[in-house]
Amino acid sequence: MKTIAVECPDQLHEQLQALVREGWIKNPEQAVLEALRRFLDSHRPDLQQAQVLSDVQWGLHGRE
């Protein structure tokens, strides 16, 4: 396992701490890992390429 150090704005940190206090997450690290998983899943190179190609097709041909 690797460690990544991240500087977090105070407001975001407080929101994370509130989720911990309210029992929604075990700790801030859990939320950050889930956010990273979701980001990486939605930004896979194959998805990005498909989205770019779709945008180009729309730009060239409109909504046909």
C-alpha atoms as a PDB file:
ATOM      1  CA  MET A   1       0.000   0.000   0.000  1.00  0.00           C
ATOM      2  CA  LYS A   2       1.209   3.506  -0.835  1.00  0.00           C
ATOM      3  CA  THR A   3       0.672   6.727   1.086  1.00  0.00           C
ATOM      4  CA  ILE A   4      -0.393   9.939  -0.639  1.00  0.00           C
ATOM      5  CA  ALA A   5      -0.210  13.204   1.298  1.00  0.00           C
ATOM      6  CA  VAL A   6      -2.846  15.741   0.265  1.00  0.00           C
ATOM      7  CA  GLU A   7      -3.372  19.302   1.426  1.00  0.00           C
ATOM      8  CA  CYS A   8      -7.069  19.838   1.962  1.00  0.00           C
ATOM      9  CA  PRO A   9      -8.859  23.171   2.296  1.00  0.00           C
ATOM     10  CA  ASP A  10     -10.249  23.753   5.786  1.00  0.00           C
ATOM     11  CA  GLN A  11     -13.858  23.713   4.591  1.00  0.00           C
ATOM     12  CA  LEU A  12     -13.501  20.309   2.922  1.00  0.00           C
ATOM     13  CA  HIS A  13     -11.724  18.918   5.966  1.00  0.00           C
ATOM     14  CA  GLU A  14     -14.543  20.101   8.218  1.00  0.00           C
ATOM     15  CA  GLN A  15     -17.123  18.493   5.932  1.00  0.00           C
ATOM     16  CA  LEU A  16     -15.212  15.216   6.126  1.00  0.00           C
ATOM     17  CA  GLN A  17     -14.985  15.464   9.913  1.00  0.00           C
ATOM     18  CA  ALA A  18     -18.737  16.096  10.096  1.00  0.00           C
ATOM     19  CA  LEU A  19     -19.384  12.906   8.131  1.00  0.00           C
ATOM     20  CA  VAL A  20     -17.166  11.016  10.573  1.00  0.00           C
ATOM     21  CA  ARG A  21     -18.934  12.514  13.604  1.00  0.00           C
ATOM     22  CA  GLU A  22     -22.327  11.653  12.137  1.00  0.00           C
ATOM     23  CA  GLY A  23     -21.237   8.071  11.460  1.00  0.00           C
ATOM     24  CA  TRP A  24     -21.469   8.169   7.663  1.00  0.00           C
ATOM     25  CA  ILE A  25     -17.818   7.243   7.237  1.00  0.00           C
ATOM     26  CA  LYS A  26     -15.243   5.632   9.501  1.00  0.00           C
ATOM     27  CA  ASN A  27     -12.550   8.245   8.818  1.00  0.00           C
ATOM     28  CA  PRO A  28     -11.620  10.901   6.245  1.00  0.00           C
ATOM     29  CA  GLU A  29      -9.248   8.494   4.515  1.00  0.00           C
ATOM     30  CA  GLN A  30     -12.182   6.202   3.685  1.00  0.00           C
ATOM     31  CA  ALA A  31     -13.991   9.054   1.934  1.00  0.00           C
ATOM     32  CA  VAL A  32     -10.888  10.115   0.019  1.00  0.00           C
ATOM     33  CA  LEU A  33     -10.245   6.553  -1.174  1.00  0.00           C
ATOM     34  CA  GLU A  34     -13.851   6.194  -2.346  1.00  0.00           C
ATOM     35  CA  ALA A  35     -13.664   9.541  -4.158  1.00  0.00           C
ATOM     36  CA  LEU A  36     -10.405   8.483  -5.837  1.00  0.00           C
ATOM     37  CA  ARG A  37     -11.917   5.142  -6.897  1.00  0.00           C
ATOM     38  CA  ARG A  38     -14.931   6.898  -8.432  1.00  0.00           C
ATOM     39  CA  PHE A  39     -12.755   9.491 -10.180  1.00  0.00           C
ATOM     40  CA  LEU A  40     -10.462   6.865 -11.690  1.00  0.00           C
ATOM     41  CA  ASP A  41     -13.409   4.724 -12.764  1.00  0.00           C
ATOM     42  CA  SER A  42     -15.057   7.641 -14.562  1.00  0.00           C
ATOM     43  CA  HIS A  43     -11.826   8.925 -16.151  1.00  0.00           C
ATOM     44  CA  ARG A  44     -10.527   5.734 -17.752  1.00  0.00           C
ATOM     45  CA  PRO A  45      -8.656   6.412 -21.010  1.00  0.00           C
ATOM     46  CA  ASP A  46     -11.101   4.310 -23.037  1.00  0.00           C
ATOM     47  CA  LEU A  47     -14.072   6.316 -21.709  1.00  0.00           C
ATOM     48  CA  GLN A  48     -12.337   9.614 -22.334  1.00  0.00           C
ATOM     49  CA  GLN A  49     -11.502   8.627 -25.898  1.00  0.00           C
ATOM     50  CA  ALA A  50     -15.085   7.554 -26.566  1.00  0.00           C
ATOM     51  CA  GLN A  51     -16.386  10.862 -25.182  1.00  0.00           C
ATOM     52  CA  VAL A  52     -13.981  12.886 -27.327  1.00  0.00           C
ATOM     53  CA  LEU A  53     -14.949  10.931 -30.448  1.00  0.00           C
ATOM     54  CA  SER A  54     -18.636  11.428 -29.649  1.00  0.00           C
ATOM     55  CA  ASP A  55     -18.079  15.170 -29.220  1.00  0.00           C
ATOM     56  CA  VAL A  56     -16.220  15.363 -32.530  1.00  0.00           C
ATOM     57  CA  GLN A  57     -18.999  13.476 -34.314  1.00  0.00           C
ATOM     58  CA  TRP A  58     -21.589  15.801 -32.830  1.00  0.00           C
ATOM     59  CA  GLY A  59     -19.505  18.821 -33.831  1.00  0.00           C
ATOM     60  CA  LEU A  60     -19.190  17.572 -37.381  1.00  0.00           C
ATOM     61  CA  HIS A  61     -22.702  16.273 -37.916  1.00  0.00           C
ATOM     62  CA  GLY A  62     -24.936  17.756 -35.254  1.00  0.00           C
ATOM     63  CA  ARG A  63     -27.708  15.630 -33.763  1.00  0.00           C
ATOM     64  CA  GLU A  64     -28.331  13.407 -36.786  1.00  0.00           C
END
